[in-house]
Amino acid sequence: MKLESGQVAVVTGAASGIGRAVVAALAARGLTVVAADVEKQALEALGIPGVETAEVDVRDFGQLASLADDVVARHGRVDLVMANAGVNGPRAYTWEQSEQDWRWITDVNYLGALHTVRAFVPHLVQAGRGHVVTTSSVTALGLLGGGITPYAATKHAVLGMSEWLDHELRTVAPGVRTTIFCPGPVGTRIRDAGRNRPAQYDGGSTEVTPLDPAFTEDSLPSITAEQAAEELMAGIEADRLYLPVGPGVADRARDRLRRILADL
């Protein structure tokens, strides 16, 4: 989809990190952008001229549905939606991650993306045009570090949901395309995501087996959020379905595929 002035975009998880960089990149291209996030103070400090803000918790489908209806009512259209809100939890082995860690990360990363799709895609289908971006991760394409199974599992879920969404849209609404954004390490505050963790998820992983530092090392170079956003802009305009971004990310995906093919 060609990004151009007059279009309307909505980005969740937009107050910091990749989301903020994407909002800035879209606004610079002349789009009307609605930045949605649960972090009110960060939204108020966004500081990008012409960008609208909306305090939204992606765990609540009703809030996203109301936002979608409001955007269409005020602007008459929505062209691009990016389900980007995401969190990560403490590093621990899979069997030592608490139920509350799993529930919080799943509710935000996977169900938040699904809620965003359910709220906005009907408007895109009705219009017969538009673009859906879901933020997955290198961890959905290949192994990276360790101790982050809940995060990686939810990013796999986002990948799978998005593949089937694309399959359906190509039949029902061929003018609506999908991009699965899979960045490697990016300089963001996602490791500090606990700042927005609701009290209902108290009781996270605390007393766990120390992980070997060599096991948790990400081992891929980090890029800036602005670099990731520019790669995404190009991927949207090229109608890329799979968009691995960052040094070595594609190699991790190839390694995983080689292991799958070997066992097949």
C-alpha atoms as a PDB file:
ATOM      1  CA  MET A   1       0.000   0.000   0.000  1.00  0.00           C
ATOM      2  CA  LYS A   2       1.348   3.376  -0.963  1.00  0.00           C
ATOM      3  CA  LEU A   3       1.549   5.589   2.115  1.00  0.00           C
ATOM      4  CA  GLU A   4       0.319   9.081   1.354  1.00  0.00           C
ATOM      5  CA  SER A   5      -1.380  12.190   2.672  1.00  0.00           C
ATOM      6  CA  GLY A   6      -5.097  11.824   3.333  1.00  0.00           C
ATOM      7  CA  GLN A   7      -4.856   8.326   4.742  1.00  0.00           C
ATOM      8  CA  VAL A   8      -5.692   7.523   8.370  1.00  0.00           C
ATOM      9  CA  ALA A   9      -3.560   5.210  10.511  1.00  0.00           C
ATOM     10  CA  VAL A  10      -4.024   3.807  14.019  1.00  0.00           C
ATOM     11  CA  VAL A  11      -1.071   2.438  16.003  1.00  0.00           C
ATOM     12  CA  THR A  12      -1.313   0.701  19.377  1.00  0.00           C
ATOM     13  CA  GLY A  13       1.567   0.671  21.827  1.00  0.00           C
ATOM     14  CA  ALA A  14       2.333   4.059  20.312  1.00  0.00           C
ATOM     15  CA  ALA A  15       3.659   6.079  23.247  1.00  0.00           C
ATOM     16  CA  SER A  16       7.223   4.762  23.202  1.00  0.00           C
ATOM     17  CA  GLY A  17       9.718   2.562  21.402  1.00  0.00           C
ATOM     18  CA  ILE A  18       8.837   1.151  18.001  1.00  0.00           C
ATOM     19  CA  GLY A  19       5.279   2.437  18.204  1.00  0.00           C
ATOM     20  CA  ARG A  20       6.348   6.030  18.717  1.00  0.00           C
ATOM     21  CA  ALA A  21       8.875   5.788  15.876  1.00  0.00           C
ATOM     22  CA  VAL A  22       6.213   4.370  13.544  1.00  0.00           C
ATOM     23  CA  VAL A  23       3.790   7.159  14.470  1.00  0.00           C
ATOM     24  CA  ALA A  24       6.482   9.741  13.654  1.00  0.00           C
ATOM     25  CA  ALA A  25       7.329   8.059  10.343  1.00  0.00           C
ATOM     26  CA  LEU A  26       3.690   7.923   9.270  1.00  0.00           C
ATOM     27  CA  ALA A  27       3.041  11.525  10.305  1.00  0.00           C
ATOM     28  CA  ALA A  28       6.110  12.632   8.345  1.00  0.00           C
ATOM     29  CA  ARG A  29       4.502  11.079   5.258  1.00  0.00           C
ATOM     30  CA  GLY A  30       1.377  13.169   5.726  1.00  0.00           C
ATOM     31  CA  LEU A  31      -0.933  10.574   7.226  1.00  0.00           C
ATOM     32  CA  THR A  32      -3.406  11.383   9.970  1.00  0.00           C
ATOM     33  CA  VAL A  33      -2.237   9.202  12.841  1.00  0.00           C
ATOM     34  CA  VAL A  34      -4.064   8.098  15.978  1.00  0.00           C
ATOM     35  CA  ALA A  35      -1.580   6.978  18.633  1.00  0.00           C
ATOM     36  CA  ALA A  36      -3.144   4.587  21.140  1.00  0.00           C
ATOM     37  CA  ASP A  37      -1.502   3.447  24.366  1.00  0.00           C
ATOM     38  CA  VAL A  38      -2.300   2.508  27.941  1.00  0.00           C
ATOM     39  CA  GLU A  39       0.377   4.845  29.324  1.00  0.00           C
ATOM     40  CA  LYS A  40      -1.380   8.205  29.682  1.00  0.00           C
ATOM     41  CA  GLN A  41       1.610  10.353  30.671  1.00  0.00           C
ATOM     42  CA  ALA A  42       3.744   9.040  27.822  1.00  0.00           C
ATOM     43  CA  LEU A  43       0.927   9.770  25.376  1.00  0.00           C
ATOM     44  CA  GLU A  44       0.630  13.321  26.668  1.00  0.00           C
ATOM     45  CA  ALA A  45       4.375  13.771  26.195  1.00  0.00           C
ATOM     46  CA  LEU A  46       4.396  12.296  22.682  1.00  0.00           C
ATOM     47  CA  GLY A  47       5.147  15.672  21.135  1.00  0.00           C
ATOM     48  CA  ILE A  48       4.566  14.810  17.471  1.00  0.00           C
ATOM     49  CA  PRO A  49       2.677  17.612  15.702  1.00  0.00           C
ATOM     50  CA  GLY A  50      -0.729  16.720  14.317  1.00  0.00           C
ATOM     51  CA  VAL A  51      -0.911  13.289  15.945  1.00  0.00           C
ATOM     52  CA  GLU A  52      -4.099  12.396  17.826  1.00  0.00           C
ATOM     53  CA  THR A  53      -3.871  10.320  20.995  1.00  0.00           C
ATOM     54  CA  ALA A  54      -6.178   7.802  22.643  1.00  0.00           C
ATOM     55  CA  GLU A  55      -5.740   6.131  26.016  1.00  0.00           C
ATOM     56  CA  VAL A  56      -6.600   2.500  25.284  1.00  0.00           C
ATOM     57  CA  ASP A  57      -5.949  -0.811  27.016  1.00  0.00           C
ATOM     58  CA  VAL A  58      -5.633  -3.434  24.268  1.00  0.00           C
ATOM     59  CA  ARG A  59      -6.682  -6.153  26.715  1.00  0.00           C
ATOM     60  CA  ASP A  60     -10.205  -4.690  26.476  1.00  0.00           C
ATOM     61  CA  PHE A  61     -11.861  -5.372  23.121  1.00  0.00           C
ATOM     62  CA  GLY A  62     -14.619  -2.880  23.896  1.00  0.00           C
ATOM     63  CA  GLN A  63     -12.146  -0.009  24.137  1.00  0.00           C
ATOM     64  CA  LEU A  64     -10.635  -0.891  20.766  1.00  0.00           C
ATOM     65  CA  ALA A  65     -14.029  -1.306  19.117  1.00  0.00           C
ATOM     66  CA  SER A  66     -15.083   2.118  20.402  1.00  0.00           C
ATOM     67  CA  LEU A  67     -11.832   3.616  19.114  1.00  0.00           C
ATOM     68  CA  ALA A  68     -12.360   2.075  15.669  1.00  0.00           C
ATOM     69  CA  ASP A  69     -15.930   3.403  15.464  1.00  0.00           C
ATOM     70  CA  ASP A  70     -14.781   6.842  16.644  1.00  0.00           C
ATOM     71  CA  VAL A  71     -11.950   7.062  14.107  1.00  0.00           C
ATOM     72  CA  VAL A  72     -14.232   6.112  11.224  1.00  0.00           C
ATOM     73  CA  ALA A  73     -16.982   8.454  12.435  1.00  0.00           C
ATOM     74  CA  ARG A  74     -14.616  11.439  12.667  1.00  0.00           C
ATOM     75  CA  HIS A  75     -12.400  10.805   9.654  1.00  0.00           C
ATOM     76  CA  GLY A  76     -14.673   8.773   7.399  1.00  0.00           C
ATOM     77  CA  ARG A  77     -12.029   6.112   6.891  1.00  0.00           C
ATOM     78  CA  VAL A  78      -9.217   4.057   8.327  1.00  0.00           C
ATOM     79  CA  ASP A  79      -6.467   2.823   6.018  1.00  0.00           C
ATOM     80  CA  LEU A  80      -3.767   1.333   8.214  1.00  0.00           C
ATOM     81  CA  VAL A  81      -3.912  -0.340  11.596  1.00  0.00           C
ATOM     82  CA  MET A  82      -0.857  -1.576  13.480  1.00  0.00           C
ATOM     83  CA  ALA A  83      -1.311  -3.971  16.398  1.00  0.00           C
ATOM     84  CA  ASN A  84       1.947  -3.157  18.121  1.00  0.00           C
ATOM     85  CA  ALA A  85       1.340  -3.104  21.895  1.00  0.00           C
ATOM     86  CA  GLY A  86       3.621  -5.576  23.640  1.00  0.00           C
ATOM     87  CA  VAL A  87       5.256  -6.465  26.940  1.00  0.00           C
ATOM     88  CA  ASN A  88       7.937  -8.823  28.189  1.00  0.00           C
ATOM     89  CA  GLY A  89       8.394 -10.353  31.616  1.00  0.00           C
ATOM     90  CA  PRO A  90      11.187 -11.635  33.840  1.00  0.00           C
ATOM     91  CA  ARG A  91      13.697 -14.094  32.442  1.00  0.00           C
ATOM     92  CA  ALA A  92      13.098 -17.594  33.765  1.00  0.00           C
ATOM     93  CA  TYR A  93      12.914 -21.139  32.474  1.00  0.00           C
ATOM     94  CA  THR A  94       9.594 -22.099  30.885  1.00  0.00           C
ATOM     95  CA  TRP A  95       8.524 -24.237  33.832  1.00  0.00           C
ATOM     96  CA  GLU A  96       9.409 -21.489  36.319  1.00  0.00           C
ATOM     97  CA  GLN A  97       7.403 -18.717  34.678  1.00  0.00           C
ATOM     98  CA  SER A  98       4.384 -18.042  36.868  1.00  0.00           C
ATOM     99  CA  GLU A  99       0.808 -18.344  35.677  1.00  0.00           C
ATOM    100  CA  GLN A 100       0.446 -14.577  36.199  1.00  0.00           C
ATOM    101  CA  ASP A 101       3.437 -13.896  33.929  1.00  0.00           C
ATOM    102  CA  TRP A 102       1.902 -16.069  31.230  1.00  0.00           C
ATOM    103  CA  ARG A 103      -1.518 -14.458  31.567  1.00  0.00           C
ATOM    104  CA  TRP A 104      -0.251 -10.855  31.478  1.00  0.00           C
ATOM    105  CA  ILE A 105       2.016 -11.375  28.479  1.00  0.00           C
ATOM    106  CA  THR A 106      -0.652 -13.368  26.620  1.00  0.00           C
ATOM    107  CA  ASP A 107      -3.388 -10.844  27.357  1.00  0.00           C
ATOM    108  CA  VAL A 108      -1.337  -7.961  25.961  1.00  0.00           C
ATOM    109  CA  ASN A 109       0.780  -9.487  23.208  1.00  0.00           C
ATOM    110  CA  TYR A 110      -1.598 -11.999  21.673  1.00  0.00           C
ATOM    111  CA  LEU A 111      -5.133 -11.112  22.742  1.00  0.00           C
ATOM    112  CA  GLY A 112      -4.317  -7.415  22.368  1.00  0.00           C
ATOM    113  CA  ALA A 113      -3.315  -8.015  18.736  1.00  0.00           C
ATOM    114  CA  LEU A 114      -6.384 -10.166  18.146  1.00  0.00           C
ATOM    115  CA  HIS A 115      -8.680  -7.545  19.688  1.00  0.00           C
ATOM    116  CA  THR A 116      -7.135  -4.896  17.434  1.00  0.00           C
ATOM    117  CA  VAL A 117      -7.740  -7.038  14.361  1.00  0.00           C
ATOM    118  CA  ARG A 118     -11.326  -7.796  15.389  1.00  0.00           C
ATOM    119  CA  ALA A 119     -12.056  -4.114  16.018  1.00  0.00           C
ATOM    120  CA  PHE A 120     -10.546  -2.598  12.893  1.00  0.00           C
ATOM    121  CA  VAL A 121     -10.482  -5.182  10.114  1.00  0.00           C
ATOM    122  CA  PRO A 122     -14.275  -5.108   9.542  1.00  0.00           C
ATOM    123  CA  HIS A 123     -13.921  -1.432   8.591  1.00  0.00           C
ATOM    124  CA  LEU A 124     -11.100  -2.269   6.173  1.00  0.00           C
ATOM    125  CA  VAL A 125     -13.082  -5.134   4.641  1.00  0.00           C
ATOM    126  CA  GLN A 126     -16.115  -2.898   4.200  1.00  0.00           C
ATOM    127  CA  ALA A 127     -13.976  -0.289   2.442  1.00  0.00           C
ATOM    128  CA  GLY A 128     -12.238  -2.964   0.358  1.00  0.00           C
ATOM    129  CA  ARG A 129      -8.806  -1.482   0.955  1.00  0.00           C
ATOM    130  CA  GLY A 130      -6.177  -0.942   3.616  1.00  0.00           C
ATOM    131  CA  HIS A 131      -3.321  -2.596   5.433  1.00  0.00           C
ATOM    132  CA  VAL A 132      -2.954  -4.518   8.695  1.00  0.00           C
ATOM    133  CA  VAL A 133       0.398  -4.668  10.492  1.00  0.00           C
ATOM    134  CA  THR A 134       0.960  -7.027  13.403  1.00  0.00           C
ATOM    135  CA  THR A 135       4.124  -6.816  15.461  1.00  0.00           C
ATOM    136  CA  SER A 136       5.588 -10.262  15.957  1.00  0.00           C
ATOM    137  CA  SER A 137       9.304 -10.819  16.600  1.00  0.00           C
ATOM    138  CA  VAL A 138      12.469 -12.565  15.576  1.00  0.00           C
ATOM    139  CA  THR A 139      11.546 -14.991  18.373  1.00  0.00           C
ATOM    140  CA  ALA A 140       8.666 -16.235  16.199  1.00  0.00           C
ATOM    141  CA  LEU A 141      11.096 -17.018  13.381  1.00  0.00           C
ATOM    142  CA  GLY A 142      14.045 -18.507  15.254  1.00  0.00           C
ATOM    143  CA  LEU A 143      15.760 -18.907  18.602  1.00  0.00           C
ATOM    144  CA  LEU A 144      17.194 -15.876  20.356  1.00  0.00           C
ATOM    145  CA  GLY A 145      18.604 -15.924  23.854  1.00  0.00           C
ATOM    146  CA  GLY A 146      16.611 -17.736  26.508  1.00  0.00           C
ATOM    147  CA  GLY A 147      14.253 -17.348  29.434  1.00  0.00           C
ATOM    148  CA  ILE A 148      11.556 -15.562  27.423  1.00  0.00           C
ATOM    149  CA  THR A 149       9.216 -18.402  26.469  1.00  0.00           C
ATOM    150  CA  PRO A 150       5.937 -16.532  27.265  1.00  0.00           C
ATOM    151  CA  TYR A 151       7.022 -13.648  25.043  1.00  0.00           C
ATOM    152  CA  ALA A 152       8.191 -15.941  22.225  1.00  0.00           C
ATOM    153  CA  ALA A 153       5.057 -18.086  22.446  1.00  0.00           C
ATOM    154  CA  THR A 154       2.775 -15.060  22.106  1.00  0.00           C
ATOM    155  CA  LYS A 155       4.784 -13.794  19.147  1.00  0.00           C
ATOM    156  CA  HIS A 156       4.391 -17.219  17.506  1.00  0.00           C
ATOM    157  CA  ALA A 157       0.650 -16.880  18.120  1.00  0.00           C
ATOM    158  CA  VAL A 158       0.612 -13.439  16.487  1.00  0.00           C
ATOM    159  CA  LEU A 159       2.501 -14.864  13.510  1.00  0.00           C
ATOM    160  CA  GLY A 160       0.053 -17.747  13.090  1.00  0.00           C
ATOM    161  CA  MET A 161      -3.030 -15.560  13.508  1.00  0.00           C
ATOM    162  CA  SER A 162      -1.669 -13.108  10.953  1.00  0.00           C
ATOM    163  CA  GLU A 163      -0.878 -15.795   8.379  1.00  0.00           C
ATOM    164  CA  TRP A 164      -4.461 -17.052   8.524  1.00  0.00           C
ATOM    165  CA  LEU A 165      -5.803 -13.489   8.501  1.00  0.00           C
ATOM    166  CA  ASP A 166      -3.862 -12.810   5.306  1.00  0.00           C
ATOM    167  CA  HIS A 167      -5.182 -16.040   3.781  1.00  0.00           C
ATOM    168  CA  GLU A 168      -8.759 -14.998   4.540  1.00  0.00           C
ATOM    169  CA  LEU A 169      -8.346 -11.409   3.372  1.00  0.00           C
ATOM    170  CA  ARG A 170      -6.883 -12.445   0.030  1.00  0.00           C
ATOM    171  CA  THR A 171     -10.180 -14.214  -0.630  1.00  0.00           C
ATOM    172  CA  VAL A 172     -12.716 -11.912   1.023  1.00  0.00           C
ATOM    173  CA  ALA A 173     -11.044  -8.509   0.525  1.00  0.00           C
ATOM    174  CA  PRO A 174      -8.019  -8.704  -1.809  1.00  0.00           C
ATOM    175  CA  GLY A 175      -7.451  -4.951  -1.430  1.00  0.00           C
ATOM    176  CA  VAL A 176      -6.613  -5.389   2.263  1.00  0.00           C
ATOM    177  CA  ARG A 177      -3.080  -6.628   2.819  1.00  0.00           C
ATOM    178  CA  THR A 178      -1.172  -7.877   5.852  1.00  0.00           C
ATOM    179  CA  THR A 179       2.402  -7.396   7.068  1.00  0.00           C
ATOM    180  CA  ILE A 180       3.881  -9.453   9.900  1.00  0.00           C
ATOM    181  CA  PHE A 181       6.596  -7.248  11.374  1.00  0.00           C
ATOM    182  CA  CYS A 182       9.368  -9.378  12.916  1.00  0.00           C
ATOM    183  CA  PRO A 183      12.144  -7.163  14.312  1.00  0.00           C
ATOM    184  CA  GLY A 184      15.220  -8.388  16.112  1.00  0.00           C
ATOM    185  CA  PRO A 185      16.616  -6.514  19.124  1.00  0.00           C
ATOM    186  CA  VAL A 186      15.540  -2.861  19.113  1.00  0.00           C
ATOM    187  CA  GLY A 187      16.548  -0.172  21.600  1.00  0.00           C
ATOM    188  CA  THR A 188      13.236   0.230  23.467  1.00  0.00           C
ATOM    189  CA  ARG A 189      11.897   0.069  27.046  1.00  0.00           C
ATOM    190  CA  ILE A 190      10.165  -3.290  26.628  1.00  0.00           C
ATOM    191  CA  ARG A 191      12.368  -4.772  29.372  1.00  0.00           C
ATOM    192  CA  ASP A 192      10.804  -2.152  31.632  1.00  0.00           C
ATOM    193  CA  ALA A 193       7.269  -3.155  30.636  1.00  0.00           C
ATOM    194  CA  GLY A 194       6.484  -4.005  34.257  1.00  0.00           C
ATOM    195  CA  ARG A 195       5.881  -0.297  34.852  1.00  0.00           C
ATOM    196  CA  ASN A 196       2.445  -0.795  33.261  1.00  0.00           C
ATOM    197  CA  ARG A 197       1.683  -4.205  34.775  1.00  0.00           C
ATOM    198  CA  PRO A 198      -1.770  -4.142  36.447  1.00  0.00           C
ATOM    199  CA  ALA A 199      -2.086  -5.333  40.013  1.00  0.00           C
ATOM    200  CA  GLN A 200      -4.292  -8.248  38.928  1.00  0.00           C
ATOM    201  CA  TYR A 201      -1.141  -9.906  37.584  1.00  0.00           C
ATOM    202  CA  ASP A 202       0.813  -9.656  40.835  1.00  0.00           C
ATOM    203  CA  GLY A 203       2.636 -12.815  41.833  1.00  0.00           C
ATOM    204  CA  GLY A 204       5.083 -13.021  38.963  1.00  0.00           C
ATOM    205  CA  SER A 205       8.238 -15.111  38.728  1.00  0.00           C
ATOM    206  CA  THR A 206      10.566 -14.102  41.559  1.00  0.00           C
ATOM    207  CA  GLU A 207      12.333 -17.090  43.121  1.00  0.00           C
ATOM    208  CA  VAL A 208      13.710 -18.815  40.041  1.00  0.00           C
ATOM    209  CA  THR A 209      16.854 -20.697  39.030  1.00  0.00           C
ATOM    210  CA  PRO A 210      19.536 -18.229  37.850  1.00  0.00           C
ATOM    211  CA  LEU A 211      20.001 -18.471  34.094  1.00  0.00           C
ATOM    212  CA  ASP A 212      23.407 -18.946  32.507  1.00  0.00           C
ATOM    213  CA  PRO A 213      24.389 -15.509  31.069  1.00  0.00           C
ATOM    214  CA  ALA A 214      25.532 -17.218  27.867  1.00  0.00           C
ATOM    215  CA  PHE A 215      22.039 -18.684  27.520  1.00  0.00           C
ATOM    216  CA  THR A 216      20.274 -15.347  27.850  1.00  0.00           C
ATOM    217  CA  GLU A 217      22.597 -13.378  25.584  1.00  0.00           C
ATOM    218  CA  ASP A 218      20.596 -12.082  22.621  1.00  0.00           C
ATOM    219  CA  SER A 219      23.700 -12.229  20.397  1.00  0.00           C
ATOM    220  CA  LEU A 220      22.255 -10.070  17.620  1.00  0.00           C
ATOM    221  CA  PRO A 221      23.080  -6.384  17.104  1.00  0.00           C
ATOM    222  CA  SER A 222      20.419  -3.928  18.209  1.00  0.00           C
ATOM    223  CA  ILE A 223      18.978  -1.285  15.897  1.00  0.00           C
ATOM    224  CA  THR A 224      17.137   1.914  16.767  1.00  0.00           C
ATOM    225  CA  ALA A 225      13.364   2.182  16.798  1.00  0.00           C
ATOM    226  CA  GLU A 226      13.647   4.748  13.999  1.00  0.00           C
ATOM    227  CA  GLN A 227      15.573   2.301  11.816  1.00  0.00           C
ATOM    228  CA  ALA A 228      12.960  -0.381  12.466  1.00  0.00           C
ATOM    229  CA  ALA A 229      10.154   2.042  11.586  1.00  0.00           C
ATOM    230  CA  GLU A 230      11.733   3.000   8.267  1.00  0.00           C
ATOM    231  CA  GLU A 231      12.149  -0.678   7.369  1.00  0.00           C
ATOM    232  CA  LEU A 232       8.469  -1.144   8.164  1.00  0.00           C
ATOM    233  CA  MET A 233       7.447   1.769   5.935  1.00  0.00           C
ATOM    234  CA  ALA A 234       9.251   0.125   3.013  1.00  0.00           C
ATOM    235  CA  GLY A 235       7.715  -3.253   3.842  1.00  0.00           C
ATOM    236  CA  ILE A 236       4.180  -1.844   3.866  1.00  0.00           C
ATOM    237  CA  GLU A 237       4.677  -0.121   0.541  1.00  0.00           C
ATOM    238  CA  ALA A 238       6.090  -3.353  -0.942  1.00  0.00           C
ATOM    239  CA  ASP A 239       3.113  -5.350   0.433  1.00  0.00           C
ATOM    240  CA  ARG A 240       5.489  -7.717   2.242  1.00  0.00           C
ATOM    241  CA  LEU A 241       3.734 -10.387   4.270  1.00  0.00           C
ATOM    242  CA  TYR A 242       6.805 -11.503   6.233  1.00  0.00           C
ATOM    243  CA  LEU A 243       9.083  -8.659   7.266  1.00  0.00           C
ATOM    244  CA  PRO A 244      12.172  -9.708   9.266  1.00  0.00           C
ATOM    245  CA  VAL A 245      14.058  -6.582  10.305  1.00  0.00           C
ATOM    246  CA  GLY A 246      17.544  -6.208  11.769  1.00  0.00           C
ATOM    247  CA  PRO A 247      20.976  -7.775  11.320  1.00  0.00           C
ATOM    248  CA  GLY A 248      20.920 -11.565  11.459  1.00  0.00           C
ATOM    249  CA  VAL A 249      17.141 -11.936  11.809  1.00  0.00           C
ATOM    250  CA  ALA A 250      16.675 -13.592   8.419  1.00  0.00           C
ATOM    251  CA  ASP A 251      19.552 -15.966   9.226  1.00  0.00           C
ATOM    252  CA  ARG A 252      17.776 -17.100  12.431  1.00  0.00           C
ATOM    253  CA  ALA A 253      14.661 -17.799  10.376  1.00  0.00           C
ATOM    254  CA  ARG A 254      16.660 -19.809   7.837  1.00  0.00           C
ATOM    255  CA  ASP A 255      18.275 -21.846  10.619  1.00  0.00           C
ATOM    256  CA  ARG A 256      14.852 -22.771  11.995  1.00  0.00           C
ATOM    257  CA  LEU A 257      13.505 -23.659   8.562  1.00  0.00           C
ATOM    258  CA  ARG A 258      16.523 -25.869   7.883  1.00  0.00           C
ATOM    259  CA  ARG A 259      15.846 -27.776  11.100  1.00  0.00           C
ATOM    260  CA  ILE A 260      12.182 -28.205  10.143  1.00  0.00           C
ATOM    261  CA  LEU A 261      13.032 -29.379   6.644  1.00  0.00           C
ATOM    262  CA  ALA A 262      15.633 -31.799   7.971  1.00  0.00           C
ATOM    263  CA  ASP A 263      13.030 -33.482  10.160  1.00  0.00           C
ATOM    264  CA  LEU A 264      10.506 -33.543   7.326  1.00  0.00           C
END
